[in-house]
Amino acid sequence: MLKDELTSQLLAILFAASEPVTLEQLELVFQTIEPATIKERVNQLIEDFNATQEAVDIRLVAGGYRITTRPEHHEIVRCYLRTRPSAKLSLAALETLSVIAYKQPITLPEIMEIRGIKGTTTIRTLLEKKLIQTRGRKKVVGRPIMYATTKEFLVHFGLNDLSELPTLTELEEILGQDLTKN
């Protein structure tokens, strides 16, 4: 797997990075190497690395590459890290975040209409955690602020993009209820 210096260096960068590493960033670091070669080596590294052990993966997350734990180990890792309660999201925050993820950009009145309850505190919490951001104002009376998810949302949930979210049909199957009412 790590038979050459470039592959070892790529793995070292992925290990050290606190954010997903994009191909563009790697091209800036390895300016003397052809972009196609970098991409080929990254793909080979992912294939070899993911096949040689069962603890972690290199995955495409939020448009970049990142070393992540495999899903079957999440609970034990969480126990090890002793996740602080403040790092957790409340049910209201998760509901609000779900509405934003699926309907973005969306305004607070639209969120409240879907959820049936007020959510200003929840919006503030999601903004503080950088899981959502403002996306301008809607061109209607009152010009309410529109909200959308962030790159941090993708990183937090291990998604490359929003297309990886389950569809409403898949969610209905999981939850056993009709979600198309709103």
Protein backbone atom coordinates (compact mmCIF):
# COMPACT_ATOMS: atom_id res chain seq x y z
CA MET A 1 0.00 0.00 0.00
CA LEU A 2 2.47 2.68 1.11
CA LYS A 3 5.20 1.71 -1.31
CA ASP A 4 6.16 5.18 -2.45
CA GLU A 5 6.82 8.56 -0.94
CA LEU A 6 3.86 10.35 -2.58
CA THR A 7 1.34 7.86 -1.22
CA SER A 8 2.89 8.10 2.27
CA GLN A 9 2.78 11.89 2.10
CA LEU A 10 -0.86 11.89 1.00
CA LEU A 11 -1.81 9.63 3.90
CA ALA A 12 0.14 11.83 6.33
CA ILE A 13 -1.72 14.93 5.11
CA LEU A 14 -5.10 13.20 5.45
CA PHE A 15 -4.19 12.06 8.95
CA ALA A 16 -3.02 15.51 10.07
CA ALA A 17 -5.86 17.50 8.49
CA SER A 18 -8.65 18.76 10.74
CA GLU A 19 -10.91 19.43 7.74
CA PRO A 20 -11.57 17.37 4.60
CA VAL A 21 -8.71 17.79 2.10
CA THR A 22 -9.69 18.66 -1.48
CA LEU A 23 -7.83 17.66 -4.62
CA GLU A 24 -7.25 21.37 -5.27
CA GLN A 25 -5.43 21.68 -1.93
CA LEU A 26 -3.29 18.66 -2.73
CA GLU A 27 -2.46 20.12 -6.14
CA LEU A 28 -1.18 23.28 -4.40
CA VAL A 29 1.03 21.19 -2.12
CA PHE A 30 2.35 18.93 -4.91
CA GLN A 31 2.80 21.54 -7.63
CA THR A 32 5.41 19.51 -9.54
CA ILE A 33 3.09 16.51 -9.92
CA GLU A 34 0.37 16.31 -12.56
CA PRO A 35 -3.17 16.70 -11.14
CA ALA A 36 -4.24 13.46 -12.84
CA THR A 37 -1.41 11.62 -11.07
CA ILE A 38 -2.45 13.05 -7.70
CA LYS A 39 -6.06 12.01 -8.26
CA GLU A 40 -4.98 8.53 -9.37
CA ARG A 41 -2.77 8.11 -6.28
CA VAL A 42 -5.51 9.34 -3.94
CA ASN A 43 -7.97 6.86 -5.45
CA GLN A 44 -5.42 4.03 -5.15
CA LEU A 45 -4.65 5.06 -1.56
CA ILE A 46 -8.35 4.97 -0.69
CA GLU A 47 -8.80 1.55 -2.27
CA ASP A 48 -5.70 0.04 -0.61
CA PHE A 49 -6.17 1.73 2.77
CA ASN A 50 -9.86 0.81 3.10
CA ALA A 51 -9.15 -2.81 2.12
CA THR A 52 -6.29 -3.41 4.58
CA GLN A 53 -8.02 -2.76 7.90
CA GLU A 54 -11.51 -2.55 9.39
CA ALA A 55 -11.32 0.37 11.83
CA VAL A 56 -11.25 3.52 9.70
CA ASP A 57 -11.91 4.59 6.12
CA ILE A 58 -10.77 7.35 3.84
CA ARG A 59 -14.01 8.87 2.53
CA LEU A 60 -15.16 11.76 0.41
CA VAL A 61 -16.81 14.16 2.89
CA ALA A 62 -17.99 17.71 2.11
CA GLY A 63 -16.08 17.77 -1.17
CA GLY A 64 -12.77 16.60 0.32
CA TYR A 65 -11.07 13.47 1.63
CA ARG A 66 -11.04 12.59 5.30
CA ILE A 67 -10.08 9.67 7.51
CA THR A 68 -13.22 8.60 9.41
CA THR A 69 -14.15 5.79 11.76
CA ARG A 70 -16.31 3.08 10.26
CA PRO A 71 -19.98 3.29 11.31
CA GLU A 72 -19.87 0.05 13.29
CA HIS A 73 -17.33 1.65 15.66
CA HIS A 74 -19.11 4.97 16.25
CA GLU A 75 -20.68 4.00 19.58
CA ILE A 76 -17.47 2.74 21.17
CA VAL A 77 -15.56 5.80 19.92
CA ARG A 78 -18.30 8.01 21.37
CA CYS A 79 -17.93 6.22 24.72
CA TYR A 80 -14.18 6.74 24.59
CA LEU A 81 -14.51 10.43 23.83
CA ARG A 82 -17.19 10.83 26.51
CA THR A 83 -19.12 13.26 24.35
CA ARG A 84 -20.14 16.30 26.32
CA PRO A 85 -23.89 16.96 26.51
CA SER A 86 -23.32 20.39 24.97
CA ALA A 87 -21.96 18.67 21.85
CA LYS A 88 -25.21 16.77 21.42
CA LEU A 89 -28.20 18.14 19.55
CA SER A 90 -31.62 18.17 21.14
CA LEU A 91 -34.56 16.52 19.40
CA ALA A 92 -35.89 20.00 18.53
CA ALA A 93 -32.52 20.95 17.02
CA LEU A 94 -32.40 17.73 14.98
CA GLU A 95 -35.96 18.29 13.74
CA THR A 96 -35.20 21.88 12.77
CA LEU A 97 -31.94 20.86 11.12
CA SER A 98 -33.75 18.16 9.15
CA VAL A 99 -36.34 20.65 7.91
CA ILE A 100 -33.59 23.05 6.84
CA ALA A 101 -31.56 20.30 5.14
CA TYR A 102 -34.50 19.11 3.06
CA LYS A 103 -36.21 22.47 2.30
CA GLN A 104 -33.29 24.92 2.09
CA PRO A 105 -33.14 27.78 1.72
CA ILE A 106 -36.00 28.23 4.17
CA THR A 107 -37.23 30.97 6.49
CA LEU A 108 -38.07 30.74 10.19
CA PRO A 109 -41.84 31.17 9.58
CA GLU A 110 -41.70 28.30 7.07
CA ILE A 111 -39.81 26.13 9.56
CA MET A 112 -42.34 26.96 12.29
CA GLU A 113 -45.21 26.09 9.95
CA ILE A 114 -43.72 22.67 9.19
CA ARG A 115 -42.74 21.87 12.79
CA GLY A 116 -45.84 23.44 14.33
CA ILE A 117 -43.84 25.15 17.09
CA LYS A 118 -41.50 28.11 17.51
CA GLY A 119 -37.82 27.45 17.02
CA THR A 120 -35.87 30.69 17.49
CA THR A 121 -33.66 29.25 20.24
CA THR A 122 -33.00 26.18 18.14
CA ILE A 123 -31.98 28.32 15.15
CA ARG A 124 -29.55 30.23 17.39
CA THR A 125 -28.03 26.95 18.63
CA LEU A 126 -27.61 25.62 15.09
CA LEU A 127 -26.00 28.91 14.01
CA GLU A 128 -23.61 28.80 17.00
CA LYS A 129 -22.61 25.24 16.13
CA LYS A 130 -22.11 26.40 12.52
CA LEU A 131 -24.43 23.67 11.20
CA ILE A 132 -26.56 26.29 9.42
CA GLN A 133 -25.96 29.75 8.01
CA THR A 134 -28.00 32.65 6.73
CA ARG A 135 -28.54 32.76 2.97
CA GLY A 136 -29.91 36.21 2.43
CA ARG A 137 -33.50 37.36 2.73
CA LYS A 138 -36.61 36.12 0.98
CA LYS A 139 -38.18 38.66 -1.36
CA VAL A 140 -41.57 38.77 0.34
CA VAL A 141 -43.24 41.14 2.80
CA GLY A 142 -41.10 41.43 5.92
CA ARG A 143 -38.04 40.02 4.09
CA PRO A 144 -37.42 37.11 6.51
CA ILE A 145 -33.93 35.61 6.75
CA MET A 146 -33.38 32.36 4.84
CA TYR A 147 -31.34 29.52 6.34
CA ALA A 148 -29.35 26.67 4.77
CA THR A 149 -26.92 24.00 5.94
CA THR A 150 -23.15 24.53 5.93
CA LYS A 151 -20.04 22.57 5.03
CA GLU A 152 -19.74 21.87 8.77
CA PHE A 153 -23.15 20.14 8.58
CA LEU A 154 -21.79 17.82 5.89
CA VAL A 155 -18.63 17.15 7.90
CA HIS A 156 -20.57 16.59 11.14
CA PHE A 157 -22.85 14.00 9.54
CA GLY A 158 -20.18 12.47 7.26
CA LEU A 159 -21.88 13.44 4.01
CA ASN A 160 -20.20 14.44 0.77
CA ASP A 161 -23.23 16.42 -0.36
CA LEU A 162 -26.96 16.72 0.33
CA SER A 163 -27.82 14.07 -2.24
CA GLU A 164 -26.58 11.50 0.29
CA LEU A 165 -29.45 12.34 2.66
CA PRO A 166 -32.16 9.68 2.69
CA THR A 167 -35.11 10.46 0.45
CA LEU A 168 -38.51 11.20 2.02
CA THR A 169 -39.67 7.78 0.82
CA GLU A 170 -36.76 6.10 2.60
CA LEU A 171 -37.50 8.09 5.76
CA GLU A 172 -41.17 7.11 5.61
CA GLU A 173 -40.15 3.45 5.43
CA ILE A 174 -37.81 3.85 8.41
CA LEU A 175 -40.28 5.84 10.53
CA GLY A 176 -43.44 4.14 9.34
CA GLN A 177 -45.33 7.39 8.76
CA ASP A 178 -46.33 9.69 5.89
CA LEU A 179 -43.96 12.67 5.74
CA THR A 180 -45.50 14.33 2.67
CA LYS A 181 -48.30 16.02 4.63
CA ASN A 182 -46.26 19.24 4.95
